[in-house]
């Protein structure tokens, strides 16, 4: 259910970056990095765990872990609550906290990899379709492309024009759906 899940880096790359970060922070730190196949991971089965770090947002998840641990005959974990870090660079459309979803949204419109050189494709024109839900950045990206010289066809505006009171589909819309 993650926003722009297709932009999430592969697990091995994320784990490698985490190892590098931990090495920078404290070279002598001992840790295990494990992939999570479910919301609980090893927290409900590992008897050696003693503490779970949560935020205000994830406290209920920590409480659910402790409930599941008790059901499994394990002691509760101490829940250590930390504050969420604020993102000083967040925009009005983004969450105020540092968020991987916001970071992925910022990638919209950036070149993730060089374009393929395919001799079968003409060099011009490119047709780019921008789709997505409300607030996904379609208008912002279209504006940027427009500044780069792209011709923009706004399908929403065309649709509104077609069924406006003076448009060719107005009578059909009223006949089908009523006034």
N, C-alpha and C. Protein backbone atom coordinates (compact mmCIF):
# COMPACT_ATOMS: atom_id res chain seq x y z
N UNK A 1 0.81 -1.20 0.00
CA UNK A 1 0.00 0.00 0.00
C UNK A 1 0.86 1.27 0.00
N UNK A 2 2.14 1.14 -0.23
CA UNK A 2 3.03 2.30 -0.19
C UNK A 2 2.79 3.22 -1.38
N UNK A 3 2.90 4.52 -1.15
CA UNK A 3 2.81 5.50 -2.22
C UNK A 3 3.99 5.29 -3.17
N UNK A 4 3.73 5.21 -4.47
CA UNK A 4 4.76 5.03 -5.50
C UNK A 4 5.65 3.84 -5.19
N UNK A 5 5.03 2.72 -4.86
CA UNK A 5 5.77 1.50 -4.49
C UNK A 5 6.76 1.08 -5.57
N UNK A 6 6.45 1.41 -6.82
CA UNK A 6 7.34 1.02 -7.91
C UNK A 6 8.70 1.73 -7.84
N UNK A 7 8.80 2.78 -7.04
CA UNK A 7 10.07 3.49 -6.88
C UNK A 7 10.86 3.04 -5.66
N UNK A 8 10.32 2.08 -4.90
CA UNK A 8 11.04 1.58 -3.74
C UNK A 8 12.22 0.74 -4.24
N UNK A 9 13.40 1.03 -3.71
CA UNK A 9 14.60 0.30 -4.13
C UNK A 9 14.52 -1.15 -3.69
N UNK A 10 15.20 -2.04 -4.40
CA UNK A 10 15.21 -3.46 -4.01
C UNK A 10 15.76 -3.65 -2.60
N UNK A 11 15.31 -4.70 -1.93
CA UNK A 11 15.69 -4.96 -0.54
C UNK A 11 17.21 -4.98 -0.36
N UNK A 12 17.92 -5.70 -1.21
CA UNK A 12 19.38 -5.83 -1.04
C UNK A 12 20.08 -4.47 -1.09
N UNK A 13 19.62 -3.59 -1.97
CA UNK A 13 20.22 -2.26 -2.05
C UNK A 13 19.92 -1.46 -0.78
N UNK A 14 18.68 -1.53 -0.30
CA UNK A 14 18.33 -0.82 0.93
C UNK A 14 19.12 -1.36 2.12
N UNK A 15 19.27 -2.69 2.20
CA UNK A 15 20.03 -3.31 3.29
C UNK A 15 21.50 -2.88 3.22
N UNK A 16 22.05 -2.81 2.02
CA UNK A 16 23.44 -2.39 1.84
C UNK A 16 23.63 -0.94 2.31
N UNK A 17 22.69 -0.07 1.95
CA UNK A 17 22.77 1.33 2.39
C UNK A 17 22.64 1.43 3.91
N UNK A 18 21.80 0.59 4.50
CA UNK A 18 21.64 0.59 5.95
C UNK A 18 22.93 0.14 6.63
N UNK A 19 23.55 -0.91 6.12
CA UNK A 19 24.83 -1.37 6.67
C UNK A 19 25.88 -0.24 6.61
N UNK A 20 25.93 0.44 5.48
CA UNK A 20 26.88 1.54 5.32
C UNK A 20 26.60 2.65 6.34
N UNK A 21 25.32 2.98 6.53
CA UNK A 21 24.94 4.01 7.51
C UNK A 21 25.34 3.58 8.92
N UNK A 22 25.03 2.35 9.28
CA UNK A 22 25.36 1.87 10.62
C UNK A 22 26.87 1.85 10.85
N UNK A 23 27.63 1.51 9.83
CA UNK A 23 29.09 1.52 9.92
C UNK A 23 29.58 2.94 10.17
N UNK A 24 28.98 3.92 9.49
CA UNK A 24 29.37 5.32 9.68
C UNK A 24 29.02 5.81 11.09
N UNK A 25 27.87 5.41 11.60
CA UNK A 25 27.41 5.87 12.90
C UNK A 25 28.22 5.27 14.03
N UNK A 26 28.40 3.95 13.99
CA UNK A 26 29.10 3.26 15.08
C UNK A 26 29.69 1.96 14.53
N UNK A 27 30.96 1.99 14.14
CA UNK A 27 31.57 0.81 13.53
C UNK A 27 31.51 -0.46 14.38
N UNK A 28 31.50 -0.31 15.70
CA UNK A 28 31.49 -1.49 16.58
C UNK A 28 30.08 -2.01 16.86
N UNK A 29 29.07 -1.36 16.35
CA UNK A 29 27.68 -1.75 16.61
C UNK A 29 27.39 -3.14 16.06
N UNK A 30 26.75 -3.97 16.86
CA UNK A 30 26.32 -5.30 16.40
C UNK A 30 24.85 -5.22 16.03
N UNK A 31 24.49 -5.81 14.91
CA UNK A 31 23.10 -5.73 14.44
C UNK A 31 22.80 -6.89 13.50
N UNK A 32 21.53 -7.15 13.34
CA UNK A 32 21.02 -8.09 12.34
C UNK A 32 20.02 -7.32 11.51
N UNK A 33 20.11 -7.44 10.20
CA UNK A 33 19.12 -6.86 9.30
C UNK A 33 18.34 -8.02 8.72
N UNK A 34 17.04 -8.01 8.92
CA UNK A 34 16.21 -9.12 8.42
C UNK A 34 15.06 -8.55 7.59
N UNK A 35 14.73 -9.21 6.49
CA UNK A 35 13.56 -8.77 5.71
C UNK A 35 12.28 -9.09 6.48
N UNK A 36 11.30 -8.22 6.36
CA UNK A 36 10.02 -8.45 7.04
C UNK A 36 9.02 -8.96 6.02
N UNK A 37 8.50 -10.16 6.27
CA UNK A 37 7.51 -10.75 5.38
C UNK A 37 6.10 -10.49 5.89
N UNK A 38 5.99 -9.95 7.09
CA UNK A 38 4.68 -9.64 7.68
C UNK A 38 4.88 -8.45 8.62
N UNK A 39 3.80 -7.88 9.15
CA UNK A 39 3.94 -6.67 9.99
C UNK A 39 4.74 -6.89 11.27
N UNK A 40 4.90 -8.12 11.72
CA UNK A 40 5.55 -8.38 13.00
C UNK A 40 7.02 -8.76 12.88
N UNK A 41 7.38 -9.45 11.82
CA UNK A 41 8.75 -9.92 11.69
C UNK A 41 9.13 -10.79 12.87
N UNK A 42 10.41 -10.79 13.25
CA UNK A 42 10.85 -11.66 14.35
C UNK A 42 10.45 -11.14 15.74
N UNK A 43 9.81 -9.97 15.79
CA UNK A 43 9.50 -9.37 17.10
C UNK A 43 8.55 -10.22 17.93
N UNK A 44 7.78 -11.09 17.31
CA UNK A 44 6.81 -11.88 18.08
C UNK A 44 7.29 -13.30 18.35
N UNK A 45 8.51 -13.63 17.85
CA UNK A 45 9.02 -14.99 18.06
C UNK A 45 10.42 -15.03 18.67
N UNK A 46 11.15 -13.93 18.64
CA UNK A 46 12.53 -13.91 19.12
C UNK A 46 12.57 -13.66 20.63
N UNK A 47 12.95 -14.66 21.43
CA UNK A 47 12.94 -14.49 22.89
C UNK A 47 14.06 -13.58 23.39
N UNK A 48 15.06 -13.29 22.53
CA UNK A 48 16.18 -12.46 22.97
C UNK A 48 15.92 -10.97 22.88
N UNK A 49 14.87 -10.56 22.20
CA UNK A 49 14.57 -9.14 22.07
C UNK A 49 14.08 -8.59 23.40
N UNK A 50 14.43 -7.33 23.68
CA UNK A 50 14.04 -6.72 24.95
C UNK A 50 13.30 -5.42 24.77
N UNK A 51 13.49 -4.76 23.64
CA UNK A 51 12.96 -3.41 23.46
C UNK A 51 12.49 -3.24 22.03
N UNK A 52 11.50 -2.40 21.84
CA UNK A 52 11.03 -2.05 20.50
C UNK A 52 10.92 -0.54 20.44
N UNK A 53 11.57 0.05 19.44
CA UNK A 53 11.53 1.50 19.26
C UNK A 53 10.32 1.83 18.40
N UNK A 54 9.46 2.70 18.88
CA UNK A 54 8.24 3.09 18.18
C UNK A 54 8.15 4.61 18.13
N UNK A 55 7.24 5.10 17.32
CA UNK A 55 6.93 6.53 17.31
C UNK A 55 5.47 6.66 17.74
N UNK A 56 5.01 7.88 17.85
CA UNK A 56 3.59 8.09 18.19
C UNK A 56 2.70 7.37 17.17
N UNK A 57 3.14 7.40 15.88
CA UNK A 57 2.37 6.75 14.82
C UNK A 57 2.38 5.23 14.92
N UNK A 58 3.45 4.65 15.44
CA UNK A 58 3.59 3.19 15.43
C UNK A 58 3.40 2.55 16.80
N UNK A 59 3.03 3.37 17.79
CA UNK A 59 2.84 2.83 19.15
C UNK A 59 1.82 1.70 19.18
N UNK A 60 0.70 1.85 18.46
CA UNK A 60 -0.33 0.80 18.46
C UNK A 60 0.23 -0.50 17.87
N UNK A 61 1.11 -0.37 16.87
CA UNK A 61 1.76 -1.56 16.32
C UNK A 61 2.64 -2.23 17.36
N UNK A 62 3.34 -1.42 18.16
CA UNK A 62 4.16 -1.97 19.24
C UNK A 62 3.31 -2.68 20.28
N UNK A 63 2.16 -2.11 20.58
CA UNK A 63 1.25 -2.75 21.53
C UNK A 63 0.72 -4.07 20.96
N UNK A 64 0.47 -4.10 19.65
CA UNK A 64 0.02 -5.34 19.00
C UNK A 64 1.12 -6.40 19.04
N UNK A 65 2.38 -5.97 18.89
CA UNK A 65 3.51 -6.90 19.01
C UNK A 65 3.51 -7.52 20.40
N UNK A 66 3.37 -6.68 21.42
CA UNK A 66 3.38 -7.20 22.79
C UNK A 66 2.22 -8.16 23.06
N UNK A 67 1.07 -7.86 22.51
CA UNK A 67 -0.08 -8.76 22.68
C UNK A 67 0.24 -10.12 22.06
N UNK A 68 0.82 -10.10 20.85
CA UNK A 68 1.16 -11.33 20.15
C UNK A 68 2.27 -12.09 20.88
N UNK A 69 3.24 -11.34 21.46
CA UNK A 69 4.31 -11.99 22.23
C UNK A 69 3.73 -12.72 23.44
N UNK A 70 2.80 -12.08 24.14
CA UNK A 70 2.18 -12.73 25.30
C UNK A 70 1.44 -13.99 24.88
N UNK A 71 0.74 -13.92 23.73
CA UNK A 71 0.04 -15.11 23.20
C UNK A 71 1.03 -16.23 22.88
N UNK A 72 2.26 -15.85 22.49
CA UNK A 72 3.30 -16.82 22.16
C UNK A 72 4.13 -17.24 23.38
N UNK A 73 3.72 -16.77 24.56
CA UNK A 73 4.44 -17.16 25.78
C UNK A 73 5.75 -16.42 25.99
N UNK A 74 5.90 -15.27 25.36
CA UNK A 74 7.12 -14.47 25.50
C UNK A 74 6.83 -13.22 26.33
N UNK A 75 7.85 -12.67 26.98
CA UNK A 75 7.62 -11.44 27.75
C UNK A 75 7.40 -10.25 26.82
N UNK A 76 6.68 -9.26 27.34
CA UNK A 76 6.48 -8.03 26.57
C UNK A 76 7.81 -7.34 26.36
N UNK A 77 7.88 -6.58 25.29
CA UNK A 77 9.04 -5.75 25.02
C UNK A 77 8.82 -4.37 25.63
N UNK A 78 9.88 -3.75 26.11
CA UNK A 78 9.79 -2.36 26.53
C UNK A 78 9.59 -1.54 25.26
N UNK A 79 8.59 -0.66 25.27
CA UNK A 79 8.34 0.22 24.12
C UNK A 79 9.02 1.55 24.39
N UNK A 80 9.97 1.90 23.55
CA UNK A 80 10.70 3.15 23.68
C UNK A 80 10.23 4.07 22.56
N UNK A 81 9.50 5.13 22.94
CA UNK A 81 8.90 6.01 21.93
C UNK A 81 9.82 7.18 21.61
N UNK A 82 10.06 7.35 20.31
CA UNK A 82 10.88 8.46 19.83
C UNK A 82 9.98 9.46 19.09
N UNK A 83 10.46 10.69 18.99
CA UNK A 83 9.74 11.71 18.23
C UNK A 83 10.08 11.57 16.75
N UNK A 84 9.11 11.88 15.91
CA UNK A 84 9.36 11.89 14.47
C UNK A 84 10.16 13.13 14.11
N UNK A 85 11.08 12.98 13.19
CA UNK A 85 11.88 14.12 12.74
C UNK A 85 11.08 14.91 11.72
N UNK A 86 11.09 16.22 11.86
CA UNK A 86 10.41 17.08 10.90
C UNK A 86 11.31 17.28 9.68
N UNK A 87 10.68 17.36 8.51
CA UNK A 87 11.41 17.56 7.26
C UNK A 87 11.38 19.05 6.94
N UNK A 88 12.52 19.74 7.08
CA UNK A 88 12.52 21.19 6.84
C UNK A 88 12.25 21.54 5.38
N UNK A 89 12.40 20.57 4.48
CA UNK A 89 12.23 20.83 3.06
C UNK A 89 10.89 20.35 2.51
N UNK A 90 9.95 19.96 3.40
CA UNK A 90 8.69 19.42 2.89
C UNK A 90 7.87 20.51 2.21
N UNK A 91 7.13 20.12 1.17
CA UNK A 91 6.26 21.07 0.49
C UNK A 91 4.86 20.97 1.09
N UNK A 92 3.97 21.82 0.64
CA UNK A 92 2.61 21.82 1.19
C UNK A 92 1.86 20.53 0.85
N UNK A 93 2.28 19.81 -0.18
CA UNK A 93 1.62 18.57 -0.56
C UNK A 93 2.22 17.35 0.12
N UNK A 94 3.26 17.56 0.93
CA UNK A 94 3.95 16.45 1.57
C UNK A 94 3.70 16.44 3.07
N UNK A 95 4.00 15.30 3.66
CA UNK A 95 3.90 15.19 5.10
C UNK A 95 4.97 16.05 5.76
N UNK A 96 4.69 16.52 6.96
CA UNK A 96 5.62 17.39 7.67
C UNK A 96 6.82 16.60 8.19
N UNK A 97 6.61 15.31 8.47
CA UNK A 97 7.69 14.46 8.97
C UNK A 97 8.58 13.99 7.82
N UNK A 98 9.78 13.53 8.15
CA UNK A 98 10.62 12.89 7.14
C UNK A 98 9.91 11.60 6.75
N UNK A 99 9.69 11.43 5.47
CA UNK A 99 8.87 10.32 5.00
C UNK A 99 9.42 9.77 3.69
N UNK A 100 9.55 8.46 3.62
CA UNK A 100 10.03 7.85 2.38
C UNK A 100 9.02 8.08 1.26
N UNK A 101 7.73 8.17 1.59
CA UNK A 101 6.71 8.45 0.57
C UNK A 101 6.95 9.82 -0.05
N UNK A 102 7.24 10.82 0.79
CA UNK A 102 7.52 12.17 0.28
C UNK A 102 8.78 12.16 -0.57
N UNK A 103 9.79 11.43 -0.11
CA UNK A 103 11.04 11.36 -0.88
C UNK A 103 10.79 10.74 -2.25
N UNK A 104 9.94 9.70 -2.32
CA UNK A 104 9.62 9.09 -3.61
C UNK A 104 8.82 10.05 -4.48
N UNK A 105 7.92 10.84 -3.89
CA UNK A 105 7.15 11.81 -4.67
C UNK A 105 8.08 12.84 -5.30
N UNK A 106 9.15 13.18 -4.60
CA UNK A 106 10.11 14.15 -5.14
C UNK A 106 10.84 13.61 -6.36
N UNK A 107 10.86 12.28 -6.49
CA UNK A 107 11.52 11.67 -7.65
C UNK A 107 10.68 11.80 -8.93
N UNK A 108 9.39 12.12 -8.76
CA UNK A 108 8.54 12.23 -9.95
C UNK A 108 9.10 13.28 -10.88
N UNK A 109 9.23 12.93 -12.13
CA UNK A 109 9.74 13.86 -13.12
C UNK A 109 11.25 13.88 -13.23
N UNK A 110 11.94 13.10 -12.39
CA UNK A 110 13.39 13.02 -12.53
C UNK A 110 13.73 11.80 -13.37
N UNK A 111 14.86 11.84 -14.00
CA UNK A 111 15.31 10.74 -14.83
C UNK A 111 15.94 9.70 -13.93
N UNK A 112 15.31 8.53 -13.81
CA UNK A 112 15.81 7.48 -12.93
C UNK A 112 16.95 6.70 -13.57
N UNK A 113 16.94 6.61 -14.88
CA UNK A 113 18.01 5.95 -15.63
C UNK A 113 18.05 6.57 -17.01
N UNK A 114 19.18 6.47 -17.70
CA UNK A 114 19.28 7.08 -19.03
C UNK A 114 18.27 6.46 -19.99
N UNK A 115 17.75 7.25 -20.93
CA UNK A 115 16.82 6.69 -21.91
C UNK A 115 17.51 5.61 -22.75
N UNK A 116 16.75 4.59 -23.10
CA UNK A 116 17.30 3.54 -23.96
C UNK A 116 17.53 4.10 -25.36
N UNK A 117 18.63 3.73 -25.92
CA UNK A 117 18.88 4.10 -27.30
C UNK A 117 18.31 2.99 -28.18
N UNK A 118 17.20 3.24 -28.81
CA UNK A 118 16.53 2.25 -29.64
C UNK A 118 16.38 2.83 -31.03
N UNK A 119 17.14 2.30 -32.00
CA UNK A 119 17.09 2.86 -33.35
C UNK A 119 15.71 2.73 -33.99
N UNK A 120 14.87 1.85 -33.45
CA UNK A 120 13.52 1.68 -34.01
C UNK A 120 12.60 2.82 -33.59
N UNK A 121 13.00 3.57 -32.57
CA UNK A 121 12.16 4.67 -32.10
C UNK A 121 12.60 5.97 -32.76
N UNK A 122 11.65 6.78 -33.22
CA UNK A 122 12.03 8.08 -33.78
C UNK A 122 12.55 8.99 -32.67
N UNK A 123 13.41 9.92 -33.02
CA UNK A 123 13.95 10.82 -32.01
C UNK A 123 12.90 11.83 -31.54
N UNK A 124 11.93 12.15 -32.39
CA UNK A 124 10.84 13.07 -32.03
C UNK A 124 9.58 12.62 -32.72
N UNK A 125 8.43 12.89 -32.30
CA UNK A 125 8.12 13.41 -30.96
C UNK A 125 7.95 12.28 -29.97
N UNK A 126 8.17 12.60 -28.72
CA UNK A 126 7.84 11.68 -27.65
C UNK A 126 6.43 12.00 -27.20
N UNK A 127 5.65 10.98 -26.93
CA UNK A 127 4.32 11.16 -26.37
C UNK A 127 4.40 10.63 -24.94
N UNK A 128 4.12 11.52 -24.01
CA UNK A 128 4.20 11.16 -22.59
C UNK A 128 2.80 11.29 -22.00
N UNK A 129 2.30 10.22 -21.43
CA UNK A 129 1.01 10.26 -20.76
C UNK A 129 1.21 10.38 -19.26
N UNK A 130 0.63 11.39 -18.66
CA UNK A 130 0.73 11.57 -17.21
C UNK A 130 -0.58 11.12 -16.59
N UNK A 131 -0.51 10.11 -15.72
CA UNK A 131 -1.70 9.62 -15.05
C UNK A 131 -1.40 9.56 -13.55
N UNK A 132 -2.45 9.47 -12.79
CA UNK A 132 -2.29 9.35 -11.34
C UNK A 132 -3.46 9.98 -10.62
N UNK A 133 -3.54 9.71 -9.36
CA UNK A 133 -4.63 10.23 -8.55
C UNK A 133 -4.47 11.71 -8.26
N UNK A 134 -5.47 12.26 -7.59
CA UNK A 134 -5.43 13.66 -7.20
C UNK A 134 -4.21 13.91 -6.32
N UNK A 135 -3.48 14.97 -6.61
CA UNK A 135 -2.32 15.32 -5.80
C UNK A 135 -1.07 14.52 -6.12
N UNK A 136 -1.07 13.76 -7.20
CA UNK A 136 0.10 12.93 -7.51
C UNK A 136 1.18 13.68 -8.29
N UNK A 137 0.90 14.92 -8.69
CA UNK A 137 1.93 15.73 -9.34
C UNK A 137 1.79 15.87 -10.84
N UNK A 138 0.66 15.43 -11.41
CA UNK A 138 0.47 15.51 -12.87
C UNK A 138 0.59 16.94 -13.38
N UNK A 139 -0.10 17.86 -12.73
CA UNK A 139 -0.10 19.26 -13.17
C UNK A 139 1.30 19.86 -13.06
N UNK A 140 2.01 19.57 -11.98
CA UNK A 140 3.36 20.11 -11.80
C UNK A 140 4.31 19.60 -12.87
N UNK A 141 4.23 18.31 -13.15
CA UNK A 141 5.10 17.72 -14.17
C UNK A 141 4.73 18.27 -15.55
N UNK A 142 3.43 18.39 -15.84
CA UNK A 142 3.00 18.94 -17.13
C UNK A 142 3.52 20.37 -17.29
N UNK A 143 3.47 21.15 -16.22
CA UNK A 143 3.97 22.53 -16.28
C UNK A 143 5.47 22.55 -16.58
N UNK A 144 6.23 21.67 -15.90
CA UNK A 144 7.67 21.59 -16.17
C UNK A 144 7.94 21.18 -17.61
N UNK A 145 7.21 20.19 -18.11
CA UNK A 145 7.39 19.77 -19.50
C UNK A 145 7.02 20.89 -20.45
N UNK A 146 5.97 21.65 -20.12
CA UNK A 146 5.57 22.79 -20.94
C UNK A 146 6.67 23.83 -21.02
N UNK A 147 7.34 24.09 -19.88
CA UNK A 147 8.45 25.05 -19.88
C UNK A 147 9.62 24.56 -20.73
N UNK A 148 9.70 23.24 -20.91
CA UNK A 148 10.76 22.66 -21.75
C UNK A 148 10.36 22.62 -23.22
N UNK A 149 9.15 23.10 -23.53
CA UNK A 149 8.73 23.17 -24.92
C UNK A 149 7.73 22.11 -25.34
N UNK A 150 7.28 21.29 -24.40
CA UNK A 150 6.31 20.25 -24.75
C UNK A 150 4.95 20.87 -25.01
N UNK A 151 4.22 20.29 -25.94
CA UNK A 151 2.84 20.68 -26.19
C UNK A 151 1.97 19.86 -25.25
N UNK A 152 1.11 20.51 -24.49
CA UNK A 152 0.32 19.84 -23.48
C UNK A 152 -1.12 19.70 -23.95
N UNK A 153 -1.65 18.48 -23.86
CA UNK A 153 -3.07 18.23 -24.10
C UNK A 153 -3.65 17.79 -22.76
N UNK A 154 -4.51 18.59 -22.18
CA UNK A 154 -5.11 18.30 -20.89
C UNK A 154 -6.44 17.61 -21.11
N UNK A 155 -6.47 16.28 -20.93
CA UNK A 155 -7.68 15.49 -21.18
C UNK A 155 -8.81 15.89 -20.24
N UNK A 156 -8.49 16.29 -19.02
CA UNK A 156 -9.53 16.74 -18.09
C UNK A 156 -10.25 17.97 -18.65
N UNK A 157 -9.47 18.94 -19.14
CA UNK A 157 -10.09 20.14 -19.71
C UNK A 157 -10.92 19.81 -20.94
N UNK A 158 -10.42 18.91 -21.77
CA UNK A 158 -11.19 18.50 -22.95
C UNK A 158 -12.51 17.86 -22.53
N UNK A 159 -12.44 16.98 -21.55
CA UNK A 159 -13.66 16.32 -21.06
C UNK A 159 -14.66 17.31 -20.51
N UNK A 160 -14.18 18.26 -19.70
CA UNK A 160 -15.08 19.28 -19.14
C UNK A 160 -15.73 20.11 -20.25
N UNK A 161 -14.97 20.41 -21.28
CA UNK A 161 -15.49 21.20 -22.40
C UNK A 161 -16.59 20.43 -23.12
N UNK A 162 -16.39 19.13 -23.31
CA UNK A 162 -17.34 18.30 -24.06
C UNK A 162 -18.69 18.22 -23.34
N UNK A 163 -18.67 18.13 -22.01
CA UNK A 163 -19.97 18.02 -21.33
C UNK A 163 -20.42 19.32 -20.65
N UNK A 164 -19.76 20.45 -20.97
CA UNK A 164 -20.26 21.73 -20.47
C UNK A 164 -21.61 22.04 -21.14
N UNK A 165 -22.33 23.01 -20.62
CA UNK A 165 -23.69 23.28 -21.14
C UNK A 165 -23.69 23.64 -22.62
N UNK A 166 -22.57 24.14 -23.14
CA UNK A 166 -22.51 24.45 -24.57
C UNK A 166 -21.77 23.37 -25.36
N UNK A 167 -21.37 22.29 -24.70
CA UNK A 167 -20.59 21.23 -25.34
C UNK A 167 -21.46 20.22 -26.07
N UNK A 168 -20.86 19.44 -26.96
CA UNK A 168 -21.60 18.49 -27.78
C UNK A 168 -22.19 17.31 -27.00
N UNK A 169 -21.69 17.01 -25.81
CA UNK A 169 -22.20 15.85 -25.07
C UNK A 169 -23.19 16.24 -23.97
N UNK A 170 -23.44 17.54 -23.80
CA UNK A 170 -24.28 18.00 -22.70
C UNK A 170 -25.66 17.35 -22.71
N UNK A 171 -26.33 17.38 -23.86
CA UNK A 171 -27.71 16.84 -23.94
C UNK A 171 -27.71 15.35 -23.60
N UNK A 172 -26.74 14.59 -24.09
CA UNK A 172 -26.66 13.16 -23.81
C UNK A 172 -26.44 12.90 -22.32
N UNK A 173 -25.60 13.71 -21.69
CA UNK A 173 -25.32 13.54 -20.27
C UNK A 173 -26.59 13.80 -19.46
N UNK A 174 -27.31 14.88 -19.79
CA UNK A 174 -28.55 15.21 -19.08
C UNK A 174 -29.60 14.14 -19.32
N UNK A 175 -29.72 13.66 -20.58
CA UNK A 175 -30.71 12.62 -20.89
C UNK A 175 -30.40 11.33 -20.13
N UNK A 176 -29.11 11.02 -19.94
CA UNK A 176 -28.74 9.78 -19.25
C UNK A 176 -28.79 9.90 -17.75
N UNK A 177 -28.28 11.03 -17.20
CA UNK A 177 -28.13 11.15 -15.75
C UNK A 177 -29.09 12.14 -15.12
N UNK A 178 -29.80 12.92 -15.92
CA UNK A 178 -30.72 13.92 -15.39
C UNK A 178 -30.03 15.25 -15.12
N UNK A 179 -30.81 16.25 -14.83
CA UNK A 179 -30.27 17.59 -14.64
C UNK A 179 -29.36 17.64 -13.42
